[in-house]
Amino acid sequence: MTYIPNSIEARDVATLVHMQTNLRKHQKEGPHVITRGQGSRVFDDAGRDYIDAVAGLWCASLGFGSERLAQVAAEQMRTLGYYHLYRHRSHEPAVALAETLLKIAPVPMARVVFQCSGSEANDTAVKLAWYYWNAVGEPQRTKIIARRMGYHGSTCAAVSLSGKPDMHAGFALPFAPFKHTEFPHYYRRHEPGETQTQFSARMAEALETLIQAEGPQTIAAFFAEPVMGAGGGILPPSGYFEKVQPVLRKYDILFVADEVICGFARTGEMWGSQTYALRPDMVTSAKALSAAMQPISAVLINERIHEAMLAQSDKLGNFAHGFTYAGHPVAAAVALEVQKIYAEIDIVGRAKRLGPVLQSALGRLKAHPLVGDVRGVGLILGMELMRDGERRIPFDAALNVGGRVDEAAQRHGLLVRVIGDRLVFAPPLVIEAADIEDIAARLERALNDVADDLAREGALG
């Protein structure tokens, strides 16, 4: 493609590397430039509007623009635009935000460790698991277990923790201490006649088998998202965490709940840990913590972890970990204001009210010939595209059905998240019921377009 000299498209192709993007294709086709946002919609440089049904990257919980938060950020920049939390220094926004998070934590937590992204939060939780076991005299506990298709970030440790082979390929990853247990995707992976509860028991047995094979005394921690986000919006099957958590307790394995996507009302409770009765030792959060308006994340640690950290201070002195911008006063001030907004608009009540609207509107599309399964909770939902939904026969990967639906949806003014042949929805938490119905209508038109194309190609039936 030939670009107008000095256009934003030409400048982009000449200067930027885009994450999670086919780089060669991007060189040829260039970027889709978004210029502004309002509520649940974004607008491109051609003036077209799109409903963003995944809140950007699961994170724009209050939509794509906020004068109130802009004013908070500007005022904090005028007062104290930067300071750090190293070597006993502190500032009011970080303290106030930590107090707020401890008050609303899903289970009793002792302290907050601020970082700058969800990846950094999970990376830090990995380090803290190792730090804990060194503190209590079991340094051989170095292995970390997560789940196939789980996603925990892009730093070297966090992506090793993630169970997505596409994110390991070409990077000489994952690192050796990271192990992966079964992907608990009931619809795709259950055996004929197997109930969700039976499937969950099999998943827990697989985890215990892995622990025993690796040696329980070598396992430091287990990481899990309450609902698997980048794995496809996968809900835990009935009984899953009720069966997994006793296995962790049996072998005294630390449990880290990755709430980077699920935290702050996404699942219909303030935390996914509350939705699924999790009792984690650490909770990682980011994304909706600041409604994506500033880069900030937080690791909540319980008293057990904190006491071990204090013991290490007695032996080692400094807690030798940190990031320049962790707990940044502007980011903390914005995140604190976001928490105030959540309380004012009753964000949990809103998710409880609108969640059924999302589940119903998109659930109706289960009858579409391209759709095999639709499952969600709160304001997150996954939709499986299948050639035969009843018999669970997938489309040939070469057909690129998910990619086609993605392109068709954009033509109809809808931005969705496509993971293989699975669509995921997690709209801004401030979305209204009318926009949810509009998402379903636009998606149905996109599905119809693709179904018509596949029928012409003889790829249906």
Protein backbone atom coordinates (compact mmCIF):
# COMPACT_ATOMS: atom_id res chain seq x y z
CA MET A 1 0.00 0.00 0.00
CA THR A 2 1.24 3.51 -0.81
CA TYR A 3 0.73 6.06 1.95
CA ILE A 4 0.40 9.80 1.66
CA PRO A 5 3.81 11.23 2.67
CA ASN A 6 3.84 12.42 6.29
CA SER A 7 0.40 10.94 6.97
CA ILE A 8 -0.02 9.28 10.33
CA GLU A 9 -0.21 5.92 8.53
CA ALA A 10 3.13 6.48 6.78
CA ARG A 11 4.74 7.75 9.98
CA ASP A 12 3.40 4.77 11.92
CA VAL A 13 4.75 2.19 9.48
CA ALA A 14 8.12 3.96 9.42
CA THR A 15 8.57 4.13 13.19
CA LEU A 16 6.47 1.80 15.35
CA VAL A 17 6.54 -1.86 16.28
CA HIS A 18 2.98 -2.96 17.15
CA MET A 19 2.35 -5.54 19.85
CA GLN A 20 0.38 -8.70 19.07
CA THR A 21 0.40 -7.74 15.39
CA ASN A 22 1.54 -9.49 12.22
CA LEU A 23 4.48 -7.20 11.52
CA ARG A 24 4.85 -8.05 7.83
CA LYS A 25 1.13 -7.59 7.23
CA HIS A 26 1.26 -4.28 9.06
CA GLN A 27 4.01 -3.03 6.79
CA LYS A 28 1.71 -3.66 3.83
CA GLU A 29 -1.66 -2.63 5.26
CA GLY A 30 -0.78 -0.02 7.86
CA PRO A 31 -2.64 0.95 11.04
CA HIS A 32 -6.27 1.57 11.91
CA VAL A 33 -5.93 4.97 13.56
CA ILE A 34 -8.23 5.74 16.50
CA THR A 35 -8.51 9.45 17.20
CA ARG A 36 -10.92 9.84 20.11
CA GLY A 37 -13.27 8.02 22.44
CA GLN A 38 -16.53 8.71 24.19
CA GLY A 39 -18.35 6.30 26.46
CA SER A 40 -18.20 2.81 24.95
CA ARG A 41 -17.39 4.11 21.47
CA VAL A 42 -14.16 5.02 19.72
CA PHE A 43 -13.78 6.97 16.48
CA ASP A 44 -11.21 6.53 13.74
CA ASP A 45 -9.53 9.12 11.54
CA ALA A 46 -12.22 8.62 8.89
CA GLY A 47 -14.86 9.64 11.42
CA ARG A 48 -16.38 6.16 11.75
CA ASP A 49 -17.60 5.11 15.18
CA TYR A 50 -17.18 1.65 16.71
CA ILE A 51 -18.57 0.06 19.83
CA ASP A 52 -15.53 -1.40 21.57
CA ALA A 53 -16.92 -4.61 23.02
CA VAL A 54 -13.71 -5.48 24.88
CA ALA A 55 -13.03 -2.15 26.61
CA GLY A 56 -9.79 -1.73 24.67
CA LEU A 57 -7.74 -4.50 26.28
CA TRP A 58 -10.34 -5.42 28.94
CA CYS A 59 -9.42 -2.26 30.81
CA ALA A 60 -11.37 0.89 29.84
CA SER A 61 -14.01 0.22 32.46
CA LEU A 62 -15.30 3.82 32.51
CA GLY A 63 -15.11 4.27 28.76
CA PHE A 64 -12.59 6.13 26.63
CA GLY A 65 -12.58 9.66 27.99
CA SER A 66 -13.14 11.38 31.34
CA GLU A 67 -12.91 15.07 32.11
CA ARG A 68 -13.16 14.31 35.84
CA LEU A 69 -10.13 12.02 35.76
CA ALA A 70 -8.25 14.44 33.52
CA GLN A 71 -8.73 17.15 36.14
CA VAL A 72 -7.51 14.85 38.93
CA ALA A 73 -4.41 13.95 36.93
CA ALA A 74 -3.68 17.60 36.09
CA GLU A 75 -4.07 18.73 39.70
CA GLN A 76 -1.79 15.97 40.96
CA MET A 77 0.81 16.88 38.33
CA ARG A 78 0.75 20.45 39.60
CA THR A 79 1.05 19.39 43.23
CA LEU A 80 3.48 16.47 43.00
CA GLY A 81 3.95 15.20 39.47
CA TYR A 82 6.36 12.46 40.50
CA TYR A 83 7.85 10.84 43.49
CA HIS A 84 8.88 7.30 44.36
CA LEU A 85 8.31 4.83 47.18
CA TYR A 86 11.96 3.82 47.61
CA ARG A 87 13.97 4.19 50.85
CA HIS A 88 11.13 5.21 53.17
CA ARG A 89 9.71 7.95 50.89
CA SER A 90 5.93 8.15 50.57
CA HIS A 91 3.07 10.33 49.35
CA GLU A 92 -0.65 10.67 50.04
CA PRO A 93 -2.12 9.18 46.80
CA ALA A 94 -0.28 5.87 47.23
CA VAL A 95 -1.20 5.56 50.90
CA ALA A 96 -4.87 6.43 50.30
CA LEU A 97 -5.14 4.00 47.39
CA ALA A 98 -3.52 1.21 49.41
CA GLU A 99 -5.98 1.82 52.26
CA THR A 100 -8.88 1.62 49.82
CA LEU A 101 -7.67 -1.62 48.25
CA LEU A 102 -7.17 -3.30 51.62
CA LYS A 103 -10.72 -2.32 52.63
CA ILE A 104 -12.27 -3.86 49.53
CA ALA A 105 -9.96 -6.89 49.21
CA PRO A 106 -11.81 -10.18 48.56
CA VAL A 107 -10.14 -11.84 51.56
CA PRO A 108 -8.15 -10.26 54.42
CA MET A 109 -4.91 -8.82 53.08
CA ALA A 110 -2.03 -7.18 54.94
CA ARG A 111 -0.21 -4.89 52.52
CA VAL A 112 -0.15 -3.59 48.93
CA VAL A 113 2.82 -3.61 46.54
CA PHE A 114 2.28 -1.15 43.69
CA GLN A 115 3.67 -1.78 40.20
CA CYS A 116 3.00 -0.35 36.75
CA SER A 117 1.23 -3.09 34.76
CA GLY A 118 -0.52 -6.41 35.13
CA SER A 119 2.58 -8.15 33.79
CA GLU A 120 4.73 -6.49 36.45
CA ALA A 121 2.22 -7.40 39.14
CA ASN A 122 2.33 -11.08 38.22
CA ASP A 123 6.10 -10.97 37.79
CA THR A 124 6.33 -9.52 41.30
CA ALA A 125 4.00 -12.19 42.69
CA VAL A 126 6.33 -14.85 41.25
CA LYS A 127 9.30 -13.19 42.95
CA LEU A 128 7.38 -12.90 46.21
CA ALA A 129 6.51 -16.61 46.12
CA TRP A 130 10.20 -17.43 45.80
CA TYR A 131 11.05 -14.83 48.45
CA TYR A 132 8.53 -16.38 50.83
CA TRP A 133 9.87 -19.92 50.54
CA ASN A 134 13.44 -18.71 50.95
CA ALA A 135 12.37 -16.83 54.07
CA VAL A 136 10.79 -19.89 55.68
CA GLY A 137 13.70 -22.20 54.91
CA GLU A 138 12.39 -24.07 51.86
CA PRO A 139 14.43 -22.59 49.01
CA GLN A 140 13.91 -25.72 46.91
CA ARG A 141 10.32 -24.60 46.25
CA THR A 142 11.01 -22.87 42.95
CA LYS A 143 8.45 -24.31 40.53
CA ILE A 144 5.35 -22.33 39.64
CA ILE A 145 2.24 -23.99 38.21
CA ALA A 146 -0.26 -22.21 35.99
CA ARG A 147 -2.67 -23.47 33.35
CA ARG A 148 -2.44 -24.12 29.67
CA MET A 149 -3.95 -21.19 27.76
CA GLY A 150 -3.84 -19.02 30.87
CA TYR A 151 -2.43 -15.55 30.35
CA HIS A 152 -0.51 -13.60 32.99
CA GLY A 153 1.53 -11.03 31.08
CA SER A 154 4.42 -10.36 28.73
CA THR A 155 7.48 -9.96 30.95
CA CYS A 156 9.80 -12.96 30.80
CA ALA A 157 8.51 -14.53 34.01
CA ALA A 158 4.85 -13.60 33.46
CA VAL A 159 4.81 -14.97 29.92
CA SER A 160 6.57 -18.14 31.13
CA LEU A 161 3.75 -18.40 33.64
CA SER A 162 1.28 -18.00 30.77
CA GLY A 163 0.28 -21.17 28.98
CA LYS A 164 0.04 -19.77 25.45
CA PRO A 165 2.55 -21.38 23.06
CA ASP A 166 2.20 -18.57 20.52
CA MET A 167 3.65 -16.17 23.10
CA HIS A 168 6.63 -18.45 23.78
CA ALA A 169 7.51 -19.18 20.16
CA GLY A 170 10.76 -17.57 19.03
CA PHE A 171 11.60 -16.13 22.46
CA ALA A 172 13.36 -19.18 23.97
CA LEU A 173 10.62 -19.34 26.58
CA PRO A 174 9.13 -20.50 28.93
CA PHE A 175 11.74 -20.60 31.66
CA ALA A 176 12.27 -24.02 33.21
CA PRO A 177 10.62 -23.55 36.65
CA PHE A 178 7.20 -22.87 35.09
CA LYS A 179 4.85 -25.83 34.68
CA HIS A 180 1.36 -25.99 33.21
CA THR A 181 -1.65 -28.07 34.14
CA GLU A 182 -4.80 -28.75 32.12
CA PHE A 183 -6.84 -26.09 30.28
CA PRO A 184 -10.29 -26.25 32.00
CA HIS A 185 -12.35 -25.51 28.89
CA TYR A 186 -15.41 -27.66 29.52
CA TYR A 187 -17.21 -27.13 26.22
CA ARG A 188 -14.24 -28.07 24.04
CA ARG A 189 -12.60 -30.65 26.28
CA HIS A 190 -15.22 -32.61 28.18
CA GLU A 191 -15.66 -36.27 27.40
CA PRO A 192 -19.04 -37.56 26.12
CA GLY A 193 -21.51 -37.66 29.00
CA GLU A 194 -19.09 -35.97 31.42
CA THR A 195 -20.80 -33.38 33.63
CA GLN A 196 -19.13 -30.11 34.58
CA THR A 197 -18.56 -31.40 38.10
CA GLN A 198 -16.97 -34.60 36.82
CA PHE A 199 -14.83 -32.59 34.43
CA SER A 200 -13.73 -30.35 37.31
CA ALA A 201 -12.77 -33.42 39.36
CA ARG A 202 -10.66 -34.63 36.44
CA MET A 203 -8.95 -31.23 36.22
CA ALA A 204 -8.15 -31.30 39.95
CA GLU A 205 -6.81 -34.84 39.65
CA ALA A 206 -4.57 -33.75 36.76
CA LEU A 207 -3.22 -30.91 38.90
CA GLU A 208 -2.47 -33.28 41.78
CA THR A 209 -0.80 -35.73 39.41
CA LEU A 210 1.45 -32.94 38.12
CA ILE A 211 2.30 -31.85 41.67
CA GLN A 212 3.21 -35.37 42.65
CA ALA A 213 5.28 -35.90 39.49
CA GLU A 214 7.24 -32.69 40.04
CA GLY A 215 7.55 -33.24 43.79
CA PRO A 216 5.28 -31.29 46.18
CA GLN A 217 8.28 -30.02 48.10
CA THR A 218 9.48 -28.23 44.91
CA ILE A 219 6.26 -26.30 44.15
CA ALA A 220 6.13 -22.66 45.24
CA ALA A 221 2.79 -21.39 43.93
CA PHE A 222 -0.20 -21.87 41.67
CA PHE A 223 -1.57 -19.00 39.58
CA ALA A 224 -5.07 -18.82 38.13
CA GLU A 225 -7.42 -16.23 36.68
CA PRO A 226 -10.96 -16.58 38.10
CA VAL A 227 -12.21 -16.32 34.50
CA MET A 228 -9.55 -16.97 31.87
CA GLY A 229 -9.36 -13.82 29.75
CA ALA A 230 -6.94 -14.15 26.83
CA GLY A 231 -7.54 -17.90 26.91
CA GLY A 232 -10.96 -17.12 25.48
CA GLY A 233 -13.21 -15.80 28.25
CA ILE A 234 -13.33 -19.28 29.76
CA LEU A 235 -15.52 -19.66 32.85
CA PRO A 236 -14.45 -22.22 35.42
CA PRO A 237 -16.74 -25.25 35.18
CA SER A 238 -18.97 -26.03 38.16
CA GLY A 239 -16.96 -27.16 41.15
CA TYR A 240 -13.59 -26.35 39.61
CA PHE A 241 -12.09 -24.10 42.27
CA GLU A 242 -13.88 -26.01 45.03
CA LYS A 243 -11.85 -29.05 43.96
CA VAL A 244 -8.58 -27.31 43.07
CA GLN A 245 -8.13 -25.29 46.26
CA PRO A 246 -8.05 -28.31 48.61
CA VAL A 247 -5.28 -29.79 46.45
CA LEU A 248 -3.24 -26.61 46.94
CA ARG A 249 -3.86 -26.63 50.69
CA LYS A 250 -2.96 -30.32 50.92
CA TYR A 251 0.53 -29.59 49.61
CA ASP A 252 0.86 -26.10 51.17
CA ILE A 253 1.19 -24.40 47.78
CA LEU A 254 0.67 -20.65 47.66
CA PHE A 255 -2.34 -19.55 45.61
CA VAL A 256 -2.18 -16.37 43.53
CA ALA A 257 -5.43 -15.08 42.03
CA ASP A 258 -4.72 -13.10 38.86
CA GLU A 259 -7.49 -10.49 38.98
CA VAL A 260 -5.93 -8.24 36.34
CA ILE A 261 -8.99 -8.71 34.10
CA CYS A 262 -11.60 -9.90 36.60
CA GLY A 263 -11.02 -7.33 39.33
CA PHE A 264 -13.38 -4.38 39.88
CA ALA A 265 -16.80 -5.80 39.03
CA ARG A 266 -16.10 -7.54 35.72
CA THR A 267 -17.62 -10.83 36.96
CA GLY A 268 -20.54 -9.25 38.79
CA GLU A 269 -18.76 -8.98 42.15
CA MET A 270 -15.96 -6.60 43.01
CA TRP A 271 -13.52 -9.48 42.54
CA GLY A 272 -13.64 -12.74 40.64
CA SER A 273 -12.36 -14.30 43.85
CA GLN A 274 -15.70 -13.41 45.43
CA THR A 275 -17.66 -14.77 42.48
CA TYR A 276 -15.92 -18.15 42.77
CA ALA A 277 -15.14 -18.27 46.53
CA LEU A 278 -11.34 -18.17 46.14
CA ARG A 279 -9.04 -17.84 49.15
CA PRO A 280 -5.77 -16.61 47.62
CA ASP A 281 -2.55 -15.71 49.39
CA MET A 282 -1.91 -12.94 46.87
CA VAL A 283 -4.14 -11.04 44.45
CA THR A 284 -2.80 -9.22 41.42
CA SER A 285 -4.78 -6.38 39.87
CA ALA A 286 -4.40 -3.74 37.16
CA LYS A 287 -6.50 -2.65 34.15
CA ALA A 288 -9.77 -1.46 35.76
CA LEU A 289 -7.84 -0.40 38.87
CA SER A 290 -7.37 2.95 37.11
CA ALA A 291 -10.02 2.37 34.41
CA ALA A 292 -6.97 2.23 32.07
CA MET A 293 -6.50 5.98 32.41
CA GLN A 294 -3.06 5.54 33.99
CA PRO A 295 -0.58 2.63 34.06
CA ILE A 296 -0.74 1.17 37.55
CA SER A 297 -1.10 -2.25 39.13
CA ALA A 298 -1.16 -3.70 42.61
CA VAL A 299 -0.25 -6.93 44.36
CA LEU A 300 -2.24 -7.57 47.54
CA ILE A 301 -0.40 -9.85 49.96
CA ASN A 302 -1.75 -11.62 53.04
CA GLU A 303 -0.23 -11.65 56.50
CA ARG A 304 1.59 -14.91 55.87
CA ILE A 305 3.54 -13.41 52.96
CA HIS A 306 4.10 -10.10 54.75
CA GLU A 307 5.52 -11.73 57.87
CA ALA A 308 8.02 -13.62 55.74
CA MET A 309 9.04 -10.38 54.04
CA LEU A 310 9.65 -8.78 57.41
CA ALA A 311 11.76 -11.77 58.43
CA GLN A 312 13.84 -11.33 55.29
CA SER A 313 14.33 -7.66 56.16
CA ASP A 314 15.72 -8.76 59.51
CA LYS A 315 18.26 -10.90 57.67
CA LEU A 316 18.90 -8.99 54.44
CA GLY A 317 18.01 -5.38 55.19
CA ASN A 318 16.37 -3.78 52.15
CA PHE A 319 13.51 -5.35 50.27
CA ALA A 320 15.54 -5.23 47.06
CA HIS A 321 12.73 -4.94 44.54
CA GLY A 322 11.03 -2.04 42.81
CA PHE A 323 10.24 0.02 39.74
CA THR A 324 10.88 3.73 39.18
CA TYR A 325 7.22 4.49 38.49
CA ALA A 326 5.60 2.05 40.92
CA GLY A 327 2.98 3.86 42.97
CA HIS A 328 3.40 6.97 40.80
CA PRO A 329 1.44 9.78 42.46
CA VAL A 330 -0.49 10.75 39.32
CA ALA A 331 -1.42 7.14 38.56
CA ALA A 332 -2.37 6.53 42.19
CA ALA A 333 -4.46 9.70 42.37
CA VAL A 334 -6.36 8.74 39.22
CA ALA A 335 -6.89 5.16 40.45
CA LEU A 336 -8.15 6.48 43.77
CA GLU A 337 -10.65 8.73 41.99
CA VAL A 338 -11.73 5.76 39.86
CA GLN A 339 -12.51 3.85 43.05
CA LYS A 340 -14.63 6.80 44.22
CA ILE A 341 -16.52 6.77 40.93
CA TYR A 342 -17.10 3.03 41.25
CA ALA A 343 -18.65 3.58 44.67
CA GLU A 344 -20.79 6.50 43.47
CA ILE A 345 -22.26 4.61 40.51
CA ASP A 346 -22.44 1.28 42.37
CA ILE A 347 -20.28 -0.48 39.80
CA VAL A 348 -21.00 -3.92 41.25
CA GLY A 349 -24.75 -3.34 41.16
CA ARG A 350 -24.41 -2.06 37.63
CA ALA A 351 -22.55 -5.21 36.55
CA LYS A 352 -25.17 -7.38 38.25
CA ARG A 353 -27.93 -5.52 36.41
CA LEU A 354 -26.33 -5.39 32.96
CA GLY A 355 -24.63 -8.78 33.04
CA PRO A 356 -27.88 -10.64 32.34
CA VAL A 357 -28.55 -8.22 29.46
CA LEU A 358 -25.19 -9.14 27.89
CA GLN A 359 -25.72 -12.85 28.50
CA SER A 360 -29.23 -12.71 27.00
CA ALA A 361 -28.44 -10.52 23.98
CA LEU A 362 -25.41 -12.54 22.91
CA GLY A 363 -26.88 -15.81 24.17
CA ARG A 364 -29.57 -15.56 21.52
CA LEU A 365 -26.87 -15.94 18.90
CA LYS A 366 -26.21 -19.49 20.06
CA ALA A 367 -28.84 -20.44 17.49
CA HIS A 368 -26.71 -18.98 14.69
CA PRO A 369 -25.22 -21.61 12.36
CA LEU A 370 -21.67 -20.41 13.07
CA VAL A 371 -22.02 -20.44 16.88
CA GLY A 372 -21.46 -23.52 19.00
CA ASP A 373 -21.48 -22.24 22.57
CA VAL A 374 -22.00 -19.02 24.53
CA ARG A 375 -21.06 -18.72 28.21
CA GLY A 376 -20.50 -15.71 30.43
CA VAL A 377 -20.70 -14.20 33.87
CA GLY A 378 -21.22 -10.57 34.75
CA LEU A 379 -19.88 -8.42 31.92
CA ILE A 380 -17.51 -10.97 30.38
CA LEU A 381 -18.55 -13.60 27.86
CA GLY A 382 -17.00 -16.06 25.43
CA MET A 383 -18.55 -17.30 22.19
CA GLU A 384 -17.31 -20.42 20.39
CA LEU A 385 -17.48 -20.52 16.60
CA MET A 386 -18.06 -24.10 15.45
CA ARG A 387 -19.00 -25.88 12.25
CA ASP A 388 -21.28 -28.15 14.29
CA GLY A 389 -21.98 -26.90 17.79
CA GLU A 390 -23.92 -29.93 19.00
CA ARG A 391 -21.26 -32.41 17.94
CA ARG A 392 -18.42 -29.99 18.75
CA ILE A 393 -16.89 -30.17 15.29
CA PRO A 394 -14.63 -27.14 14.73
CA PHE A 395 -14.05 -25.28 11.52
CA ASP A 396 -10.91 -26.10 9.56
CA ALA A 397 -8.30 -23.64 10.85
CA ALA A 398 -7.38 -22.77 7.26
CA LEU A 399 -10.81 -21.14 6.85
CA ASN A 400 -9.83 -18.47 9.42
CA VAL A 401 -13.44 -18.10 10.53
CA GLY A 402 -12.52 -16.07 13.62
CA GLY A 403 -10.45 -13.66 11.57
CA ARG A 404 -13.26 -13.28 9.04
CA VAL A 405 -15.77 -12.49 11.77
CA ASP A 406 -13.33 -9.95 13.20
CA GLU A 407 -13.08 -8.15 9.85
CA ALA A 408 -16.83 -8.34 9.25
CA ALA A 409 -17.55 -6.96 12.72
CA GLN A 410 -15.30 -3.98 12.04
CA ARG A 411 -17.19 -3.30 8.82
CA HIS A 412 -20.34 -3.16 10.96
CA GLY A 413 -18.78 -0.83 13.52
CA LEU A 414 -17.94 -3.38 16.20
CA LEU A 415 -14.57 -4.17 17.78
CA VAL A 416 -14.36 -7.65 19.35
CA ARG A 417 -11.55 -9.83 20.70
CA VAL A 418 -10.86 -12.88 18.56
CA ILE A 419 -8.86 -15.80 19.98
CA GLY A 420 -8.68 -18.48 17.33
CA ASP A 421 -12.30 -19.30 16.53
CA ARG A 422 -13.55 -17.83 19.78
CA LEU A 423 -14.97 -14.35 20.34
CA VAL A 424 -14.67 -12.63 23.71
CA PHE A 425 -16.72 -9.72 25.02
CA ALA A 426 -15.92 -7.50 28.00
CA PRO A 427 -17.40 -4.07 27.27
CA PRO A 428 -16.82 -0.97 29.37
CA LEU A 429 -18.65 -1.30 32.67
CA VAL A 430 -20.49 1.96 31.94
CA ILE A 431 -22.11 0.54 28.82
CA GLU A 432 -25.87 0.92 28.60
CA ALA A 433 -28.40 -1.79 27.75
CA ALA A 434 -29.15 -0.22 24.35
CA ASP A 435 -25.48 -0.47 23.35
CA ILE A 436 -25.39 -4.11 24.47
CA GLU A 437 -28.33 -4.85 22.19
CA ASP A 438 -26.51 -2.95 19.45
CA ILE A 439 -23.43 -5.15 19.95
CA ALA A 440 -25.58 -8.22 19.41
CA ALA A 441 -27.23 -6.74 16.31
CA ARG A 442 -23.94 -5.70 14.73
CA LEU A 443 -22.38 -9.06 15.53
CA GLU A 444 -25.32 -10.92 14.02
CA ARG A 445 -24.89 -8.99 10.78
CA ALA A 446 -21.19 -9.85 10.78
CA LEU A 447 -21.90 -13.53 11.42
CA ASN A 448 -24.43 -13.54 8.59
CA ASP A 449 -21.87 -12.06 6.21
CA VAL A 450 -19.32 -14.74 7.05
CA ALA A 451 -21.92 -17.53 6.92
CA ASP A 452 -22.92 -16.38 3.44
CA ASP A 453 -19.29 -16.44 2.31
CA LEU A 454 -18.70 -19.89 3.78
CA ALA A 455 -21.86 -21.22 2.17
CA ARG A 456 -20.71 -19.96 -1.24
CA GLU A 457 -17.41 -21.75 -0.63
CA GLY A 458 -19.16 -24.96 0.33
CA ALA A 459 -17.61 -24.86 3.81
CA LEU A 460 -20.88 -25.14 5.77
CA GLY A 461 -23.01 -28.20 6.39
